[in-house]
C-alpha cells in the first residue's frame, strides 16, 4: 500500500515543471545565498573545488563546480577505462537476452533504453553494463572514460522520476521512461554507449560536443538521432557533459571488449578518473561495419 501511494504521488507530481522551476531558481543570483546551506546539508568537501566559494554566481554554478586537476587524476594507460563520474555503483553485469538489471528482480530492455537503435542493440547484446548513480553531493561533470570519437547521439524525451534508490525500486523500466541522452562512441577496443539519464530537479543535461541539444524543454519535443559528419575526437578524461543536479549514467560495452579491474558491486563508490576496466582490443577482421548505417 505504501509503495502504491508513493507511486501515485510521483505520477501526479508535475515533475517537469518543478524541475524547470528549480533550474530557473538555481540560476538566479539570490540562490547563491543557499550555497552554504547546501554544503552543510550534503556534507560537501570543498578542498578539491577549483575556485573559492565567493566566486560562485548562483547555486547552479556551484552544482556544476569544477575540481582541480590533481583532485581527480586520470588513470594512465591507453587500454585503461576510467569512471566517467563520481558516484555509486547501482548495478552492473552482462546484457543478457536484450535486458539489463535495474534492481533486484527488476530488468529493463536495452532496445527501449536506446529507443529502438537495432544495430547497436545487436552489437551490445552479450556485453557488459555499469550503472552509476550521482547523488546531489557528488561532482556533476561527466568525462570520457577512454579516448574515442563521438559518432552518434540520441535525445529521448521522457519523464523525470527520481533515480535514487527509492525511484529505482518504485518504477520498473525507470531508465527507459526518463528523459535521456545517449552518446555513441567509437574507441580503439570497439563501440560503447554512454547514457545520461535525467531525473527530478535536474534542470538540464548538457553535452560538450553539441550545443543544440536542449533537455526538459518548455514545449513538447520528439526524440531525434544524429550522425555527426565531422565527429569530435575526445581524449580520455576530457569533459563530455554535465548534469545540473544529481542523476545517473549507464555505460554499455560490446561483448568481450573489457575486463573489469574492480568488483562492480552495488554500493561501491567511484571517483572520476579511477580505473574501472581494461580494454580488450579486437582484431581488424573481427570489427563490424560502423553501426550508424542503419540508425533511425
C-alpha atoms as a PDB file:
ATOM      1  CA  UNK A   1       0.000   0.000   0.000  1.00  0.00           C
ATOM      2  CA  UNK A   2       2.825   2.383   0.923  1.00  0.00           C
ATOM      3  CA  UNK A   3       4.526   1.721  -2.414  1.00  0.00           C
ATOM      4  CA  UNK A   4       1.252   2.327  -4.277  1.00  0.00           C
ATOM      5  CA  UNK A   5       0.731   5.686  -2.545  1.00  0.00           C
ATOM      6  CA  UNK A   6       4.331   6.709  -3.283  1.00  0.00           C
ATOM      7  CA  UNK A   7       3.966   5.692  -6.921  1.00  0.00           C
ATOM      8  CA  UNK A   8       0.726   7.648  -7.289  1.00  0.00           C
ATOM      9  CA  UNK A   9       2.314  10.687  -5.641  1.00  0.00           C
ATOM     10  CA  UNK A  10       5.209  10.726  -8.090  1.00  0.00           C
ATOM     11  CA  UNK A  11       2.962  10.073 -11.079  1.00  0.00           C
ATOM     12  CA  UNK A  12       0.716  13.032 -10.169  1.00  0.00           C
ATOM     13  CA  UNK A  13       3.563  15.421  -9.353  1.00  0.00           C
ATOM     14  CA  UNK A  14       4.325  17.928 -12.176  1.00  0.00           C
ATOM     15  CA  UNK A  15       7.952  16.790 -12.301  1.00  0.00           C
ATOM     16  CA  UNK A  16       8.995  18.615 -15.469  1.00  0.00           C
ATOM     17  CA  UNK A  17       7.528  21.934 -14.367  1.00  0.00           C
ATOM     18  CA  UNK A  18       9.117  21.592 -10.925  1.00  0.00           C
ATOM     19  CA  UNK A  19      12.483  20.735 -12.484  1.00  0.00           C
ATOM     20  CA  UNK A  20      12.308  23.744 -14.827  1.00  0.00           C
ATOM     21  CA  UNK A  21      11.350  25.969 -11.893  1.00  0.00           C
ATOM     22  CA  UNK A  22      14.232  24.610  -9.829  1.00  0.00           C
ATOM     23  CA  UNK A  23      16.566  25.238 -12.744  1.00  0.00           C
ATOM     24  CA  UNK A  24      15.426  28.860 -13.055  1.00  0.00           C
ATOM     25  CA  UNK A  25      15.746  29.425  -9.317  1.00  0.00           C
ATOM     26  CA  UNK A  26      19.219  27.856  -9.217  1.00  0.00           C
ATOM     27  CA  UNK A  27      20.330  30.292 -11.942  1.00  0.00           C
ATOM     28  CA  UNK A  28      19.078  33.362 -10.050  1.00  0.00           C
ATOM     29  CA  UNK A  29      21.793  35.383  -8.258  1.00  0.00           C
ATOM     30  CA  UNK A  30      19.868  35.250  -4.969  1.00  0.00           C
ATOM     31  CA  UNK A  31      20.227  31.462  -4.907  1.00  0.00           C
ATOM     32  CA  UNK A  32      23.932  31.853  -4.116  1.00  0.00           C
ATOM     33  CA  UNK A  33      22.955  32.542  -0.502  1.00  0.00           C
ATOM     34  CA  UNK A  34      21.817  28.913  -0.240  1.00  0.00           C
ATOM     35  CA  UNK A  35      25.226  27.538  -1.207  1.00  0.00           C
ATOM     36  CA  UNK A  36      26.478  27.316   2.431  1.00  0.00           C
ATOM     37  CA  UNK A  37      23.244  25.531   3.418  1.00  0.00           C
ATOM     38  CA  UNK A  38      23.662  23.106   0.513  1.00  0.00           C
ATOM     39  CA  UNK A  39      27.270  22.428   1.509  1.00  0.00           C
ATOM     40  CA  UNK A  40      26.354  21.669   5.121  1.00  0.00           C
ATOM     41  CA  UNK A  41      23.286  19.579   4.285  1.00  0.00           C
ATOM     42  CA  UNK A  42      25.121  17.329   1.824  1.00  0.00           C
ATOM     43  CA  UNK A  43      28.470  17.430   3.661  1.00  0.00           C
ATOM     44  CA  UNK A  44      30.413  18.522   0.579  1.00  0.00           C
ATOM     45  CA  UNK A  45      34.205  18.566   0.651  1.00  0.00           C
ATOM     46  CA  UNK A  46      35.418  21.945  -0.617  1.00  0.00           C
ATOM     47  CA  UNK A  47      39.121  21.109  -0.714  1.00  0.00           C
ATOM     48  CA  UNK A  48      39.147  19.851  -4.350  1.00  0.00           C
ATOM     49  CA  UNK A  49      36.930  22.687  -5.670  1.00  0.00           C
ATOM     50  CA  UNK A  50      38.819  24.801  -8.196  1.00  0.00           C
ATOM     51  CA  UNK A  51      37.583  28.300  -7.321  1.00  0.00           C
ATOM     52  CA  UNK A  52      36.837  29.930  -3.957  1.00  0.00           C
ATOM     53  CA  UNK A  53      33.289  29.919  -2.626  1.00  0.00           C
ATOM     54  CA  UNK A  54      32.714  33.663  -3.026  1.00  0.00           C
ATOM     55  CA  UNK A  55      33.224  33.438  -6.801  1.00  0.00           C
ATOM     56  CA  UNK A  56      30.180  31.250  -7.461  1.00  0.00           C
ATOM     57  CA  UNK A  57      27.460  33.351  -9.082  1.00  0.00           C
ATOM     58  CA  UNK A  58      24.476  31.181  -8.154  1.00  0.00           C
ATOM     59  CA  UNK A  59      23.506  27.754  -6.846  1.00  0.00           C
ATOM     60  CA  UNK A  60      23.697  26.163 -10.304  1.00  0.00           C
ATOM     61  CA  UNK A  61      27.225  27.470 -10.693  1.00  0.00           C
ATOM     62  CA  UNK A  62      28.101  25.531  -7.552  1.00  0.00           C
ATOM     63  CA  UNK A  63      26.186  22.400  -8.671  1.00  0.00           C
ATOM     64  CA  UNK A  64      28.429  22.146 -11.736  1.00  0.00           C
ATOM     65  CA  UNK A  65      31.594  23.199  -9.909  1.00  0.00           C
ATOM     66  CA  UNK A  66      34.931  22.299 -11.438  1.00  0.00           C
ATOM     67  CA  UNK A  67      37.588  20.468  -9.464  1.00  0.00           C
ATOM     68  CA  UNK A  68      41.338  20.934  -9.530  1.00  0.00           C
ATOM     69  CA  UNK A  69      43.115  18.539 -11.947  1.00  0.00           C
ATOM     70  CA  UNK A  70      45.060  16.918  -9.116  1.00  0.00           C
ATOM     71  CA  UNK A  71      41.807  16.153  -7.272  1.00  0.00           C
ATOM     72  CA  UNK A  72      40.805  13.588  -9.920  1.00  0.00           C
ATOM     73  CA  UNK A  73      43.916  12.151 -11.584  1.00  0.00           C
ATOM     74  CA  UNK A  74      43.148  10.133 -14.717  1.00  0.00           C
ATOM     75  CA  UNK A  75      44.470   6.561 -14.527  1.00  0.00           C
ATOM     76  CA  UNK A  76      47.226   6.128 -17.108  1.00  0.00           C
ATOM     77  CA  UNK A  77      47.263   3.637 -19.971  1.00  0.00           C
ATOM     78  CA  UNK A  78      45.606   3.662 -23.397  1.00  0.00           C
ATOM     79  CA  UNK A  79      43.853   0.398 -22.576  1.00  0.00           C
ATOM     80  CA  UNK A  80      42.619   1.545 -19.149  1.00  0.00           C
ATOM     81  CA  UNK A  81      38.977   2.636 -18.942  1.00  0.00           C
ATOM     82  CA  UNK A  82      38.145   5.080 -16.163  1.00  0.00           C
ATOM     83  CA  UNK A  83      34.994   6.043 -14.339  1.00  0.00           C
ATOM     84  CA  UNK A  84      33.375   8.985 -16.158  1.00  0.00           C
ATOM     85  CA  UNK A  85      31.854  10.385 -12.957  1.00  0.00           C
ATOM     86  CA  UNK A  86      31.913  10.483  -9.187  1.00  0.00           C
ATOM     87  CA  UNK A  87      29.116   8.262  -7.936  1.00  0.00           C
ATOM     88  CA  UNK A  88      27.902   4.972  -6.537  1.00  0.00           C
ATOM     89  CA  UNK A  89      27.522   1.736  -8.480  1.00  0.00           C
ATOM     90  CA  UNK A  90      23.816   0.964  -8.731  1.00  0.00           C
ATOM     91  CA  UNK A  91      24.030  -2.199 -10.845  1.00  0.00           C
ATOM     92  CA  UNK A  92      26.468  -3.919 -13.194  1.00  0.00           C
ATOM     93  CA  UNK A  93      26.601  -7.119 -15.177  1.00  0.00           C
ATOM     94  CA  UNK A  94      26.080  -8.733 -18.542  1.00  0.00           C
ATOM     95  CA  UNK A  95      23.446  -7.680 -21.051  1.00  0.00           C
ATOM     96  CA  UNK A  96      21.516 -10.934 -21.403  1.00  0.00           C
ATOM     97  CA  UNK A  97      18.679 -11.524 -23.871  1.00  0.00           C
ATOM     98  CA  UNK A  98      18.476  -7.796 -24.507  1.00  0.00           C
ATOM     99  CA  UNK A  99      17.899  -6.871 -20.871  1.00  0.00           C
ATOM    100  CA  UNK A 100      19.792  -5.092 -18.093  1.00  0.00           C
ATOM    101  CA  UNK A 101      19.292  -5.204 -14.337  1.00  0.00           C
ATOM    102  CA  UNK A 102      17.671  -2.141 -12.746  1.00  0.00           C
ATOM    103  CA  UNK A 103      17.275  -3.570  -9.236  1.00  0.00           C
ATOM    104  CA  UNK A 104      16.999  -6.998  -7.663  1.00  0.00           C
ATOM    105  CA  UNK A 105      14.265  -8.818  -9.572  1.00  0.00           C
ATOM    106  CA  UNK A 106      13.660  -5.886 -11.942  1.00  0.00           C
ATOM    107  CA  UNK A 107      15.020  -5.838 -15.512  1.00  0.00           C
ATOM    108  CA  UNK A 108      14.604  -3.418 -18.394  1.00  0.00           C
ATOM    109  CA  UNK A 109      15.007  -3.532 -22.163  1.00  0.00           C
ATOM    110  CA  UNK A 110      18.172  -2.439 -23.979  1.00  0.00           C
ATOM    111  CA  UNK A 111      16.079  -1.739 -27.073  1.00  0.00           C
ATOM    112  CA  UNK A 112      13.822   0.623 -25.112  1.00  0.00           C
ATOM    113  CA  UNK A 113      16.789   2.267 -23.377  1.00  0.00           C
ATOM    114  CA  UNK A 114      18.307   3.129 -26.771  1.00  0.00           C
ATOM    115  CA  UNK A 115      14.898   3.997 -28.242  1.00  0.00           C
ATOM    116  CA  UNK A 116      14.995   1.362 -30.985  1.00  0.00           C
ATOM    117  CA  UNK A 117      18.528   1.508 -32.401  1.00  0.00           C
ATOM    118  CA  UNK A 118      18.693  -2.083 -33.740  1.00  0.00           C
ATOM    119  CA  UNK A 119      22.290  -2.080 -34.963  1.00  0.00           C
ATOM    120  CA  UNK A 120      23.596  -1.026 -31.557  1.00  0.00           C
ATOM    121  CA  UNK A 121      21.252  -3.391 -29.737  1.00  0.00           C
ATOM    122  CA  UNK A 122      22.808  -6.217 -31.771  1.00  0.00           C
ATOM    123  CA  UNK A 123      26.348  -5.023 -31.113  1.00  0.00           C
ATOM    124  CA  UNK A 124      25.853  -4.621 -27.374  1.00  0.00           C
ATOM    125  CA  UNK A 125      23.934  -7.862 -26.790  1.00  0.00           C
ATOM    126  CA  UNK A 126      26.044 -10.060 -24.513  1.00  0.00           C
ATOM    127  CA  UNK A 127      28.260  -7.158 -23.487  1.00  0.00           C
ATOM    128  CA  UNK A 128      28.735  -5.521 -20.108  1.00  0.00           C
ATOM    129  CA  UNK A 129      26.924  -2.602 -18.470  1.00  0.00           C
ATOM    130  CA  UNK A 130      27.657  -0.394 -15.478  1.00  0.00           C
ATOM    131  CA  UNK A 131      25.093   1.933 -13.878  1.00  0.00           C
ATOM    132  CA  UNK A 132      26.419   4.759 -11.683  1.00  0.00           C
ATOM    133  CA  UNK A 133      24.193   6.987  -9.540  1.00  0.00           C
ATOM    134  CA  UNK A 134      25.265  10.578  -8.848  1.00  0.00           C
ATOM    135  CA  UNK A 135      23.824  11.971  -5.628  1.00  0.00           C
ATOM    136  CA  UNK A 136      23.278  15.716  -5.071  1.00  0.00           C
ATOM    137  CA  UNK A 137      26.567  15.862  -3.129  1.00  0.00           C
ATOM    138  CA  UNK A 138      28.644  14.396  -5.960  1.00  0.00           C
ATOM    139  CA  UNK A 139      30.711  16.157  -8.605  1.00  0.00           C
ATOM    140  CA  UNK A 140      28.271  16.605 -11.534  1.00  0.00           C
ATOM    141  CA  UNK A 141      30.521  16.727 -14.582  1.00  0.00           C
ATOM    142  CA  UNK A 142      30.801  13.752 -16.921  1.00  0.00           C
ATOM    143  CA  UNK A 143      34.119  12.834 -18.556  1.00  0.00           C
ATOM    144  CA  UNK A 144      35.294  10.478 -21.282  1.00  0.00           C
ATOM    145  CA  UNK A 145      36.069   7.015 -19.872  1.00  0.00           C
ATOM    146  CA  UNK A 146      38.532   6.395 -22.715  1.00  0.00           C
ATOM    147  CA  UNK A 147      39.741   8.199 -25.826  1.00  0.00           C
ATOM    148  CA  UNK A 148      37.097   7.988 -28.520  1.00  0.00           C
ATOM    149  CA  UNK A 149      35.148   9.533 -31.372  1.00  0.00           C
ATOM    150  CA  UNK A 150      31.583  10.785 -30.798  1.00  0.00           C
ATOM    151  CA  UNK A 151      29.933   9.348 -33.910  1.00  0.00           C
ATOM    152  CA  UNK A 152      26.253   9.484 -32.992  1.00  0.00           C
ATOM    153  CA  UNK A 153      23.885  10.857 -30.384  1.00  0.00           C
ATOM    154  CA  UNK A 154      20.246  10.277 -29.459  1.00  0.00           C
ATOM    155  CA  UNK A 155      17.937  12.514 -27.478  1.00  0.00           C
ATOM    156  CA  UNK A 156      14.941  10.696 -25.992  1.00  0.00           C
ATOM    157  CA  UNK A 157      12.320  12.808 -24.177  1.00  0.00           C
ATOM    158  CA  UNK A 158      10.584  11.310 -21.190  1.00  0.00           C
ATOM    159  CA  UNK A 159       9.619  11.639 -17.562  1.00  0.00           C
ATOM    160  CA  UNK A 160      11.759  12.967 -14.735  1.00  0.00           C
ATOM    161  CA  UNK A 161      11.182  10.457 -11.957  1.00  0.00           C
ATOM    162  CA  UNK A 162      13.802  10.284  -9.190  1.00  0.00           C
ATOM    163  CA  UNK A 163      16.670   7.899  -9.971  1.00  0.00           C
ATOM    164  CA  UNK A 164      17.767   7.359  -6.371  1.00  0.00           C
ATOM    165  CA  UNK A 165      17.187   4.054  -4.582  1.00  0.00           C
ATOM    166  CA  UNK A 166      13.533   4.934  -3.969  1.00  0.00           C
ATOM    167  CA  UNK A 167      12.860   5.639  -7.637  1.00  0.00           C
ATOM    168  CA  UNK A 168      14.759   2.577  -8.850  1.00  0.00           C
ATOM    169  CA  UNK A 169      12.631   0.332  -6.637  1.00  0.00           C
ATOM    170  CA  UNK A 170       9.315   2.101  -7.334  1.00  0.00           C
ATOM    171  CA  UNK A 171       9.336   2.324 -11.134  1.00  0.00           C
ATOM    172  CA  UNK A 172      10.093  -0.723 -13.316  1.00  0.00           C
ATOM    173  CA  UNK A 173      11.872   0.312 -16.503  1.00  0.00           C
ATOM    174  CA  UNK A 174      12.769   3.665 -14.941  1.00  0.00           C
ATOM    175  CA  UNK A 175      15.752   4.323 -17.218  1.00  0.00           C
ATOM    176  CA  UNK A 176      13.623   3.675 -20.312  1.00  0.00           C
ATOM    177  CA  UNK A 177      10.923   6.079 -19.069  1.00  0.00           C
ATOM    178  CA  UNK A 178      13.034   9.074 -18.052  1.00  0.00           C
ATOM    179  CA  UNK A 179      14.489  11.674 -20.397  1.00  0.00           C
ATOM    180  CA  UNK A 180      17.988  10.791 -21.573  1.00  0.00           C
ATOM    181  CA  UNK A 181      20.845  11.472 -23.976  1.00  0.00           C
ATOM    182  CA  UNK A 182      22.855   8.613 -25.477  1.00  0.00           C
ATOM    183  CA  UNK A 183      26.381   9.209 -26.802  1.00  0.00           C
ATOM    184  CA  UNK A 184      27.695   6.528 -29.183  1.00  0.00           C
ATOM    185  CA  UNK A 185      31.470   6.377 -29.040  1.00  0.00           C
ATOM    186  CA  UNK A 186      33.936   4.566 -31.314  1.00  0.00           C
ATOM    187  CA  UNK A 187      37.062   3.545 -29.401  1.00  0.00           C
ATOM    188  CA  UNK A 188      40.232   1.565 -30.005  1.00  0.00           C
ATOM    189  CA  UNK A 189      38.566  -1.520 -28.493  1.00  0.00           C
ATOM    190  CA  UNK A 190      35.234  -1.231 -30.318  1.00  0.00           C
ATOM    191  CA  UNK A 191      31.995   0.647 -29.723  1.00  0.00           C
ATOM    192  CA  UNK A 192      30.456   1.779 -26.479  1.00  0.00           C
ATOM    193  CA  UNK A 193      27.463   3.875 -25.455  1.00  0.00           C
ATOM    194  CA  UNK A 194      27.188   6.298 -22.561  1.00  0.00           C
ATOM    195  CA  UNK A 195      23.626   7.027 -21.432  1.00  0.00           C
ATOM    196  CA  UNK A 196      22.908  10.137 -19.372  1.00  0.00           C
ATOM    197  CA  UNK A 197      19.552   9.816 -17.588  1.00  0.00           C
ATOM    198  CA  UNK A 198      17.600  12.840 -16.375  1.00  0.00           C
ATOM    199  CA  UNK A 199      15.803  12.964 -13.025  1.00  0.00           C
ATOM    200  CA  UNK A 200      13.595  15.130 -10.819  1.00  0.00           C
ATOM    201  CA  UNK A 201      15.148  18.565 -10.198  1.00  0.00           C
ATOM    202  CA  UNK A 202      17.763  18.052 -12.919  1.00  0.00           C
ATOM    203  CA  UNK A 203      17.413  21.411 -14.674  1.00  0.00           C
ATOM    204  CA  UNK A 204      19.083  20.031 -17.783  1.00  0.00           C
ATOM    205  CA  UNK A 205      21.726  17.719 -19.206  1.00  0.00           C
ATOM    206  CA  UNK A 206      24.465  19.334 -21.288  1.00  0.00           C
ATOM    207  CA  UNK A 207      26.873  17.681 -23.730  1.00  0.00           C
ATOM    208  CA  UNK A 208      30.094  19.402 -24.767  1.00  0.00           C
ATOM    209  CA  UNK A 209      30.018  18.176 -28.363  1.00  0.00           C
ATOM    210  CA  UNK A 210      26.581  19.566 -29.336  1.00  0.00           C
ATOM    211  CA  UNK A 211      25.189  22.866 -28.026  1.00  0.00           C
ATOM    212  CA  UNK A 212      21.922  22.362 -29.919  1.00  0.00           C
ATOM    213  CA  UNK A 213      20.650  19.576 -27.668  1.00  0.00           C
ATOM    214  CA  UNK A 214      18.276  21.031 -25.068  1.00  0.00           C
ATOM    215  CA  UNK A 215      16.738  18.791 -22.416  1.00  0.00           C
ATOM    216  CA  UNK A 216      13.483  19.311 -20.499  1.00  0.00           C
ATOM    217  CA  UNK A 217      12.236  22.000 -22.933  1.00  0.00           C
ATOM    218  CA  UNK A 218       9.140  24.096 -22.225  1.00  0.00           C
ATOM    219  CA  UNK A 219       7.366  22.628 -25.259  1.00  0.00           C
ATOM    220  CA  UNK A 220       6.953  19.015 -26.326  1.00  0.00           C
ATOM    221  CA  UNK A 221       9.900  17.674 -28.284  1.00  0.00           C
ATOM    222  CA  UNK A 222      10.143  14.464 -30.304  1.00  0.00           C
ATOM    223  CA  UNK A 223      13.038  12.054 -29.991  1.00  0.00           C
ATOM    224  CA  UNK A 224      15.809  12.552 -32.523  1.00  0.00           C
ATOM    225  CA  UNK A 225      19.031  10.870 -33.590  1.00  0.00           C
ATOM    226  CA  UNK A 226      22.143  12.459 -35.062  1.00  0.00           C
ATOM    227  CA  UNK A 227      25.056  11.008 -37.019  1.00  0.00           C
ATOM    228  CA  UNK A 228      27.881  13.545 -36.984  1.00  0.00           C
ATOM    229  CA  UNK A 229      29.544  14.279 -40.331  1.00  0.00           C
ATOM    230  CA  UNK A 230      32.525  15.858 -38.563  1.00  0.00           C
ATOM    231  CA  UNK A 231      32.731  13.806 -35.369  1.00  0.00           C
ATOM    232  CA  UNK A 232      34.790  15.021 -32.446  1.00  0.00           C
ATOM    233  CA  UNK A 233      37.716  13.084 -31.019  1.00  0.00           C
ATOM    234  CA  UNK A 234      37.847  13.448 -27.233  1.00  0.00           C
ATOM    235  CA  UNK A 235      40.737  12.369 -25.025  1.00  0.00           C
ATOM    236  CA  UNK A 236      40.271  10.148 -22.018  1.00  0.00           C
ATOM    237  CA  UNK A 237      39.259  12.369 -19.114  1.00  0.00           C
ATOM    238  CA  UNK A 238      38.031  15.190 -21.368  1.00  0.00           C
ATOM    239  CA  UNK A 239      34.731  16.715 -20.322  1.00  0.00           C
ATOM    240  CA  UNK A 240      31.800  15.075 -22.128  1.00  0.00           C
ATOM    241  CA  UNK A 241      28.898  16.820 -20.412  1.00  0.00           C
ATOM    242  CA  UNK A 242      27.290  17.611 -17.097  1.00  0.00           C
ATOM    243  CA  UNK A 243      24.147  17.201 -15.031  1.00  0.00           C
ATOM    244  CA  UNK A 244      22.676  20.323 -13.488  1.00  0.00           C
ATOM    245  CA  UNK A 245      21.930  18.273 -10.357  1.00  0.00           C
ATOM    246  CA  UNK A 246      22.489  14.598  -9.471  1.00  0.00           C
ATOM    247  CA  UNK A 247      21.399  11.784 -11.790  1.00  0.00           C
ATOM    248  CA  UNK A 248      22.591   8.517 -13.394  1.00  0.00           C
ATOM    249  CA  UNK A 249      24.923   7.368 -16.163  1.00  0.00           C
ATOM    250  CA  UNK A 250      24.916   3.942 -17.789  1.00  0.00           C
ATOM    251  CA  UNK A 251      27.979   2.580 -19.611  1.00  0.00           C
ATOM    252  CA  UNK A 252      27.389  -0.079 -22.277  1.00  0.00           C
ATOM    253  CA  UNK A 253      30.211  -2.144 -23.784  1.00  0.00           C
ATOM    254  CA  UNK A 254      30.429  -4.658 -26.617  1.00  0.00           C
ATOM    255  CA  UNK A 255      30.924  -8.358 -25.764  1.00  0.00           C
ATOM    256  CA  UNK A 256      34.483  -9.398 -24.871  1.00  0.00           C
ATOM    257  CA  UNK A 257      35.706  -5.799 -25.135  1.00  0.00           C
ATOM    258  CA  UNK A 258      36.583  -5.174 -21.475  1.00  0.00           C
ATOM    259  CA  UNK A 259      37.842  -6.889 -18.343  1.00  0.00           C
ATOM    260  CA  UNK A 260      36.789  -5.366 -15.031  1.00  0.00           C
ATOM    261  CA  UNK A 261      39.599  -4.024 -12.847  1.00  0.00           C
ATOM    262  CA  UNK A 262      37.158  -3.510  -9.973  1.00  0.00           C
ATOM    263  CA  UNK A 263      34.421  -5.637  -8.475  1.00  0.00           C
ATOM    264  CA  UNK A 264      31.430  -3.537  -9.623  1.00  0.00           C
ATOM    265  CA  UNK A 265      29.074  -4.471  -6.816  1.00  0.00           C
ATOM    266  CA  UNK A 266      26.089  -2.248  -5.917  1.00  0.00           C
ATOM    267  CA  UNK A 267      27.101   0.354  -3.336  1.00  0.00           C
ATOM    268  CA  UNK A 268      30.738   0.673  -4.427  1.00  0.00           C
ATOM    269  CA  UNK A 269      31.880   4.321  -4.523  1.00  0.00           C
ATOM    270  CA  UNK A 270      33.730   5.536  -7.618  1.00  0.00           C
ATOM    271  CA  UNK A 271      35.721   8.666  -8.370  1.00  0.00           C
ATOM    272  CA  UNK A 272      36.042  10.180 -11.818  1.00  0.00           C
ATOM    273  CA  UNK A 273      39.331   9.081 -13.387  1.00  0.00           C
ATOM    274  CA  UNK A 274      39.550   5.898 -11.307  1.00  0.00           C
ATOM    275  CA  UNK A 275      40.488   2.783 -13.321  1.00  0.00           C
ATOM    276  CA  UNK A 276      37.456   0.508 -13.670  1.00  0.00           C
ATOM    277  CA  UNK A 277      38.249  -1.789 -16.604  1.00  0.00           C
ATOM    278  CA  UNK A 278      40.894  -2.884 -19.081  1.00  0.00           C
ATOM    279  CA  UNK A 279      40.111  -2.699 -22.792  1.00  0.00           C
ATOM    280  CA  UNK A 280      40.469  -5.823 -24.901  1.00  0.00           C
ATOM    281  CA  UNK A 281      41.422  -4.795 -28.425  1.00  0.00           C
ATOM    282  CA  UNK A 282      39.627  -6.505 -31.280  1.00  0.00           C
ATOM    283  CA  UNK A 283      41.330  -7.890 -34.344  1.00  0.00           C
ATOM    284  CA  UNK A 284      40.615  -5.921 -37.503  1.00  0.00           C
ATOM    285  CA  UNK A 285      38.727  -8.804 -39.103  1.00  0.00           C
ATOM    286  CA  UNK A 286      36.519  -9.062 -36.006  1.00  0.00           C
ATOM    287  CA  UNK A 287      35.281  -5.490 -36.301  1.00  0.00           C
ATOM    288  CA  UNK A 288      31.815  -4.969 -37.736  1.00  0.00           C
ATOM    289  CA  UNK A 289      30.980  -2.135 -40.044  1.00  0.00           C
ATOM    290  CA  UNK A 290      30.034   1.120 -38.367  1.00  0.00           C
ATOM    291  CA  UNK A 291      26.629   0.580 -36.769  1.00  0.00           C
ATOM    292  CA  UNK A 292      25.324   4.003 -37.719  1.00  0.00           C
ATOM    293  CA  UNK A 293      24.480   2.878 -41.261  1.00  0.00           C
ATOM    294  CA  UNK A 294      21.022   1.673 -40.277  1.00  0.00           C
ATOM    295  CA  UNK A 295      20.400   4.022 -37.374  1.00  0.00           C
ATOM    296  CA  UNK A 296      16.919   5.536 -37.058  1.00  0.00           C
END
